[in-house]
Protein backbone atom coordinates (compact mmCIF):
# COMPACT_ATOMS: atom_id res chain seq x y z
CA MET A 1 0.00 0.00 0.00
CA GLN A 2 1.38 3.37 -1.05
CA LEU A 3 0.21 6.94 -0.73
CA GLU A 4 -1.71 8.38 -3.67
CA VAL A 5 -1.38 12.14 -3.87
CA GLU A 6 -4.97 12.61 -5.06
CA ARG A 7 -6.30 10.93 -1.91
CA CYS A 8 -4.21 12.89 0.62
CA GLN A 9 -4.64 15.85 2.92
CA LEU A 10 -1.83 17.16 5.11
CA VAL A 11 -2.46 18.11 8.75
CA MET A 12 0.34 20.06 10.44
CA VAL A 13 -0.03 20.32 14.21
CA ASP A 14 1.34 23.13 16.40
CA TYR A 15 4.70 24.05 14.85
CA GLN A 16 4.86 27.08 17.13
CA SER A 17 7.65 29.55 17.77
CA ARG A 18 7.91 29.19 21.55
CA LEU A 19 7.66 25.41 21.44
CA MET A 20 9.95 24.48 18.56
CA PRO A 21 13.28 25.41 20.24
CA HIS A 22 12.58 22.90 23.03
CA ILE A 23 11.89 19.96 20.70
CA HIS A 24 14.47 17.18 20.55
CA ASP A 25 16.34 17.43 17.19
CA HIS A 26 14.19 20.44 16.34
CA ALA A 27 16.31 21.37 13.30
CA VAL A 28 15.60 17.98 11.72
CA VAL A 29 11.91 18.14 12.58
CA LEU A 30 11.58 21.62 11.09
CA ALA A 31 13.49 20.73 7.92
CA GLN A 32 11.29 17.70 7.25
CA ALA A 33 8.14 19.70 7.97
CA HIS A 34 9.35 22.34 5.51
CA LEU A 35 9.91 19.66 2.87
CA LEU A 36 6.38 18.33 3.40
CA ALA A 37 4.77 21.75 3.18
CA GLN A 38 6.76 22.83 0.11
CA THR A 39 5.87 19.67 -1.75
CA ALA A 40 2.22 19.70 -0.69
CA ALA A 41 1.89 23.28 -1.91
CA LEU A 42 3.48 22.42 -5.26
CA LEU A 43 1.31 19.34 -5.78
CA LYS A 44 -1.84 21.07 -4.52
CA VAL A 45 -2.37 18.75 -1.58
CA PRO A 46 -4.77 20.50 0.85
CA MET A 47 -3.02 21.62 4.03
CA HIS A 48 -4.56 22.24 7.45
CA TRP A 49 -2.63 23.92 10.26
CA THR A 50 -3.33 24.11 13.98
CA GLU A 51 -1.95 26.26 16.79
CA GLN A 52 -2.33 25.38 20.45
CA ALA A 53 -3.08 28.44 22.63
CA PRO A 54 -1.00 30.76 20.37
CA GLN A 55 -1.14 33.56 22.93
CA SER A 56 1.11 31.35 25.08
CA LEU A 57 3.04 29.23 22.57
CA GLY A 58 3.31 31.74 19.74
CA THR A 59 2.26 31.42 16.13
CA THR A 60 3.61 28.99 13.54
CA VAL A 61 7.37 29.22 13.23
CA GLU A 62 9.19 30.44 10.14
CA PRO A 63 9.66 29.24 7.42
CA LEU A 64 6.35 27.38 7.70
CA ARG A 65 4.18 30.42 8.36
CA GLN A 66 3.78 31.25 4.66
CA TRP A 67 1.44 28.26 4.25
CA THR A 68 -0.71 28.86 7.33
CA HIS A 69 -3.97 30.11 5.86
CA ASP A 70 -7.10 29.65 7.99
CA VAL A 71 -5.24 28.29 11.01
CA ILE A 72 -7.31 26.31 13.50
CA GLU A 73 -6.65 27.84 16.91
CA LYS A 74 -7.40 25.44 19.73
CA THR A 75 -7.06 24.70 23.41
CA SER A 76 -8.04 21.02 23.15
CA PHE A 77 -5.10 18.72 22.56
CA ASP A 78 -7.21 16.76 20.06
CA ALA A 79 -7.70 19.04 17.05
CA THR A 80 -10.71 17.02 15.90
CA ALA A 81 -12.59 18.47 18.88
CA GLU A 82 -12.08 22.05 17.64
CA GLY A 83 -12.71 22.33 13.94
CA LEU A 84 -10.33 19.99 12.16
CA LEU A 85 -13.02 17.55 11.06
CA GLU A 86 -15.07 20.38 9.55
CA ALA A 87 -11.98 21.69 7.72
CA LEU A 88 -11.03 18.38 6.16
CA GLU A 89 -12.22 17.65 2.63
CA PRO A 90 -14.92 16.60 1.99
CA ALA A 91 -16.52 18.66 4.77
CA ALA A 92 -19.22 17.11 6.91
CA LYS A 93 -22.80 17.94 6.00
CA PRO A 94 -24.21 20.54 8.44
CA PRO A 95 -26.73 19.05 10.88
CA SER A 96 -30.37 19.91 10.18
CA ALA A 97 -31.36 20.33 13.81
CA GLY A 98 -29.00 20.53 16.75
CA GLY A 99 -25.77 18.65 17.28
CA ASN A 100 -22.57 19.29 15.38
CA ALA A 101 -20.76 17.94 12.34
CA ARG A 102 -18.68 15.56 14.42
CA SER A 103 -21.81 13.88 15.80
CA LEU A 104 -23.28 13.09 12.38
CA PRO A 105 -23.53 9.43 11.40
CA LYS A 106 -21.20 8.57 8.56
CA HIS A 107 -24.07 7.99 6.09
CA LEU A 108 -25.28 11.59 6.58
CA ARG A 109 -21.97 13.22 5.77
CA LYS A 110 -21.63 15.01 2.46
CA ALA A 111 -20.55 12.86 -0.45
CA VAL A 112 -17.57 13.87 -2.52
CA PRO A 113 -18.75 16.11 -5.40
CA GLU A 114 -18.58 14.43 -8.80
CA GLY A 115 -15.19 14.88 -10.42
CA ARG A 116 -13.35 15.64 -7.17
CA PRO A 117 -10.97 13.12 -5.57
CA ALA A 118 -12.03 11.48 -2.33
CA ARG A 119 -9.30 12.83 -0.06
CA ASP A 120 -9.72 10.17 2.59
CA VAL A 121 -6.10 9.83 3.72
CA VAL A 122 -4.71 12.16 6.40
CA VAL A 123 -0.94 12.65 6.42
CA LEU A 124 -0.19 13.97 9.91
CA ALA A 125 2.86 15.58 11.53
CA GLY A 126 3.61 18.04 14.31
CA LEU A 127 4.32 18.79 17.95
CA GLU A 128 4.29 17.31 20.50
CA ALA A 129 4.14 13.70 19.41
CA HIS A 130 2.82 12.34 22.70
CA VAL A 131 0.21 15.05 23.31
CA CYS A 132 -1.50 16.94 20.47
CA VAL A 133 -0.31 14.74 17.62
CA LEU A 134 -1.22 11.54 19.45
CA GLN A 135 -4.64 12.75 20.55
CA THR A 136 -5.44 14.21 17.13
CA ALA A 137 -4.46 10.95 15.45
CA LEU A 138 -6.66 8.98 17.83
CA GLY A 139 -9.51 11.41 17.17
CA LEU A 140 -9.12 10.90 13.43
CA ILE A 141 -9.06 7.12 13.84
CA GLU A 142 -12.25 7.35 15.88
CA GLN A 143 -13.81 9.06 12.85
CA GLU A 144 -12.61 6.22 10.61
CA LYS A 145 -9.93 8.28 8.87
CA GLU A 146 -6.85 6.60 7.40
CA VAL A 147 -3.86 8.18 9.17
CA TRP A 148 -0.22 8.21 8.09
CA LEU A 149 2.18 9.82 10.59
CA VAL A 150 5.38 11.47 9.34
CA SER A 151 7.78 10.46 12.09
CA ASP A 152 10.80 12.62 11.24
CA ALA A 153 8.61 15.74 10.91
CA THR A 154 7.12 15.03 14.34
CA GLY A 155 8.75 15.72 17.69
CA SER A 156 8.57 15.96 21.44
CA CYS A 157 10.73 17.72 23.97
CA GLN A 158 11.97 14.30 25.12
CA SER A 159 12.82 11.57 22.63
CA ARG A 160 11.40 8.85 24.89
CA GLN A 161 7.99 10.54 24.77
CA LYS A 162 8.05 10.54 20.98
CA ASP A 163 9.08 6.89 20.89
CA ALA A 164 6.21 5.92 23.18
CA ALA A 165 3.74 7.87 21.05
CA LEU A 166 4.93 6.20 17.83
CA ASP A 167 4.67 2.76 19.41
CA ARG A 168 1.13 3.47 20.59
CA LEU A 169 -0.01 4.86 17.25
CA ALA A 170 1.50 1.95 15.32
CA SER A 171 -0.49 -0.41 17.53
CA GLN A 172 -3.64 1.50 16.51
CA GLY A 173 -2.99 0.92 12.81
CA VAL A 174 -1.35 4.26 11.96
CA GLU A 175 1.20 3.99 9.13
CA LEU A 176 4.58 5.42 10.19
CA VAL A 177 6.50 7.07 7.35
CA THR A 178 9.23 9.65 6.78
CA ALA A 179 8.92 12.89 4.88
CA GLU A 180 10.97 11.50 2.00
CA MET A 181 8.70 8.45 1.78
CA VAL A 182 5.70 10.75 1.49
CA VAL A 183 7.31 13.01 -1.10
CA TYR A 184 8.52 10.21 -3.35
CA GLU A 185 5.22 8.34 -3.14
CA TRP A 186 3.36 11.54 -4.03
CA LEU A 187 5.63 11.96 -7.06
CA GLY A 188 5.53 8.29 -8.03
CA SER A 189 8.25 8.57 -10.69
CA SER A 190 11.32 10.54 -11.68
CA ASP A 191 9.32 11.37 -14.81
CA HIS A 192 6.90 13.46 -12.75
CA PRO A 193 7.04 17.08 -13.97
CA ALA A 194 7.70 18.28 -10.40
CA PHE A 195 10.59 15.88 -9.73
CA GLU A 196 13.42 18.25 -10.71
CA THR A 197 11.88 20.98 -8.56
CA VAL A 198 11.46 18.79 -5.50
CA LEU A 199 14.84 17.03 -5.61
CA PRO A 200 16.86 20.02 -4.27
CA TRP A 201 14.31 20.39 -1.46
CA VAL A 202 14.90 16.76 -0.47
CA LYS A 203 18.66 17.30 -0.47
CA ALA A 204 18.30 20.47 1.63
CA ALA A 205 16.17 18.62 4.20
CA ARG A 206 18.81 15.89 4.44
CA GLN A 207 21.44 18.47 5.34
CA ALA A 208 19.66 19.20 8.63
CA GLY A 209 20.29 15.65 9.81
CA GLN A 210 24.02 15.66 9.15
């Protein structure tokens, strides 16, 4: 099973300016997140960004901020509790009387419009792995989303916390991948018209880990 770019959406969780410097191997995490965002923008993969209590943790760090349109600000650790589900494509059908989109049975949610891809795969990355990323992933799984976690674009202040989160998510059926895996599966071939553009970005991201 490989990622198909037409089926994907990218969810980027809490890459915030006052949090990032405390993340273990933060330069690597940021470089891989940058690679993901650059490539998603080029290939027109929908991106969704969250910020946890930005008045305390700051806004999204540079150089990622240029892609943060319509940021979901939240205080819940699970972003699906505060607007992420409604932002994902296809959006849930609004309830006719009471309740909220999250509470709708699956058969009442809006079908994908004819001619549009069913973007039913969520590629997820962010901070911190064992808190907001973990809880958001579990929230997405609860809503029967297919979740792929980008491990090297995800971090925690302590590496042991990240390791525990990855182990737990893998046990829940989340696919663990790297940013390069995602990028190359989105491209599919060196004949892809974007390949020559993306290749220097991949090499630049590798530099951060050396």
